[in-house]
Amino acid sequence: MAHYTYHIGQHDGGWAYRLGDVWSEPFPDHATALATAKKVALRQHVEGETAEIMYETADGEWKTEHIDRSEKPDVAVKDV
């Protein structure tokens, strides 16, 4: 099982969450960034159909992956 941790921190003039080296858009305050990261983490556990997802890596490259929604990752949110 894959494990992912979203980290909350100050970024780009506001607060954001990151996975690895990739940051979300900035939010005006810590509470909003934390709540959004928790929502994102929770969505990782929602069952559904298999899907193709696209995401941008830290170096700006776009990747496509096939996700089997029955394989749920272990996801955590780590606050500062």
Protein backbone atom coordinates (compact mmCIF):
# COMPACT_ATOMS: atom_id res chain seq x y z
CA MET A 1 0.00 0.00 0.00
CA ALA A 2 1.25 3.45 -0.86
CA HIS A 3 1.68 6.06 1.87
CA TYR A 4 1.36 9.81 1.29
CA THR A 5 1.70 12.68 3.74
CA TYR A 6 0.43 16.18 3.01
CA HIS A 7 2.42 18.83 4.88
CA ILE A 8 1.00 22.23 5.85
CA GLY A 9 3.27 25.28 5.68
CA GLN A 10 3.69 28.88 4.62
CA HIS A 11 4.08 29.23 0.88
CA ASP A 12 3.81 31.95 -1.72
CA GLY A 13 2.50 34.63 0.65
CA GLY A 14 -0.07 32.42 2.37
CA TRP A 15 -0.58 28.92 3.72
CA ALA A 16 -0.64 25.80 1.57
CA TYR A 17 -0.29 22.05 1.69
CA ARG A 18 2.30 20.05 -0.19
CA LEU A 19 2.95 16.50 -1.23
CA GLY A 20 6.66 15.97 -1.68
CA ASP A 21 7.96 19.11 -3.37
CA VAL A 22 4.65 20.06 -5.01
CA TRP A 23 2.62 22.81 -3.31
CA SER A 24 -1.07 23.56 -3.58
CA GLU A 25 -2.32 27.03 -4.34
CA PRO A 26 -1.87 29.36 -1.37
CA PHE A 27 -4.76 29.97 1.03
CA PRO A 28 -5.22 33.13 3.09
CA ASP A 29 -4.84 31.37 6.44
CA HIS A 30 -3.56 28.24 8.14
CA ALA A 31 -7.02 26.92 9.04
CA THR A 32 -8.21 26.95 5.43
CA ALA A 33 -5.07 25.20 4.17
CA LEU A 34 -5.36 22.54 6.89
CA ALA A 35 -9.07 21.95 6.25
CA THR A 36 -8.48 21.66 2.50
CA ALA A 37 -5.60 19.20 2.97
CA LYS A 38 -7.82 17.05 5.19
CA LYS A 39 -10.55 17.06 2.52
CA VAL A 40 -8.02 16.06 -0.13
CA ALA A 41 -6.71 13.24 2.08
CA LEU A 42 -10.24 12.02 2.79
CA ARG A 43 -11.02 11.86 -0.95
CA GLN A 44 -8.18 9.35 -1.32
CA HIS A 45 -10.36 6.87 0.58
CA VAL A 46 -13.58 7.31 -1.40
CA GLU A 47 -14.47 4.18 -3.32
CA GLY A 48 -15.35 4.49 -6.95
CA GLU A 49 -14.49 3.26 -10.38
CA THR A 50 -11.01 2.89 -11.73
CA ALA A 51 -9.77 6.06 -13.37
CA GLU A 52 -7.01 7.72 -15.29
CA ILE A 53 -5.59 10.68 -13.39
CA MET A 54 -3.26 13.42 -14.58
CA TYR A 55 -0.98 15.45 -12.35
CA GLU A 56 1.95 17.81 -12.65
CA THR A 57 5.26 16.89 -11.02
CA ALA A 58 7.55 19.37 -9.24
CA ASP A 59 9.65 19.75 -12.40
CA GLY A 60 6.59 20.72 -14.47
CA GLU A 61 6.12 17.37 -16.24
CA TRP A 62 2.58 16.03 -16.64
CA LYS A 63 2.01 12.36 -15.85
CA THR A 64 -0.95 10.06 -16.38
CA GLU A 65 -1.61 7.05 -14.15
CA HIS A 66 -4.24 4.34 -14.03
CA ILE A 67 -5.75 4.13 -10.55
CA ASP A 68 -7.67 1.12 -9.29
CA ARG A 69 -10.00 2.70 -6.74
CA SER A 70 -10.06 -0.51 -4.69
CA GLU A 71 -6.39 0.16 -3.85
CA LYS A 72 -6.59 2.98 -1.33
CA PRO A 73 -3.36 4.62 -0.18
CA ASP A 74 -2.56 5.40 3.43
CA VAL A 75 -2.81 9.21 3.60
CA ALA A 76 -1.93 11.54 6.47
CA VAL A 77 -1.83 15.30 7.04
CA LYS A 78 1.08 16.68 9.05
CA ASP A 79 0.65 20.15 10.49
CA VAL A 80 3.58 22.44 11.34
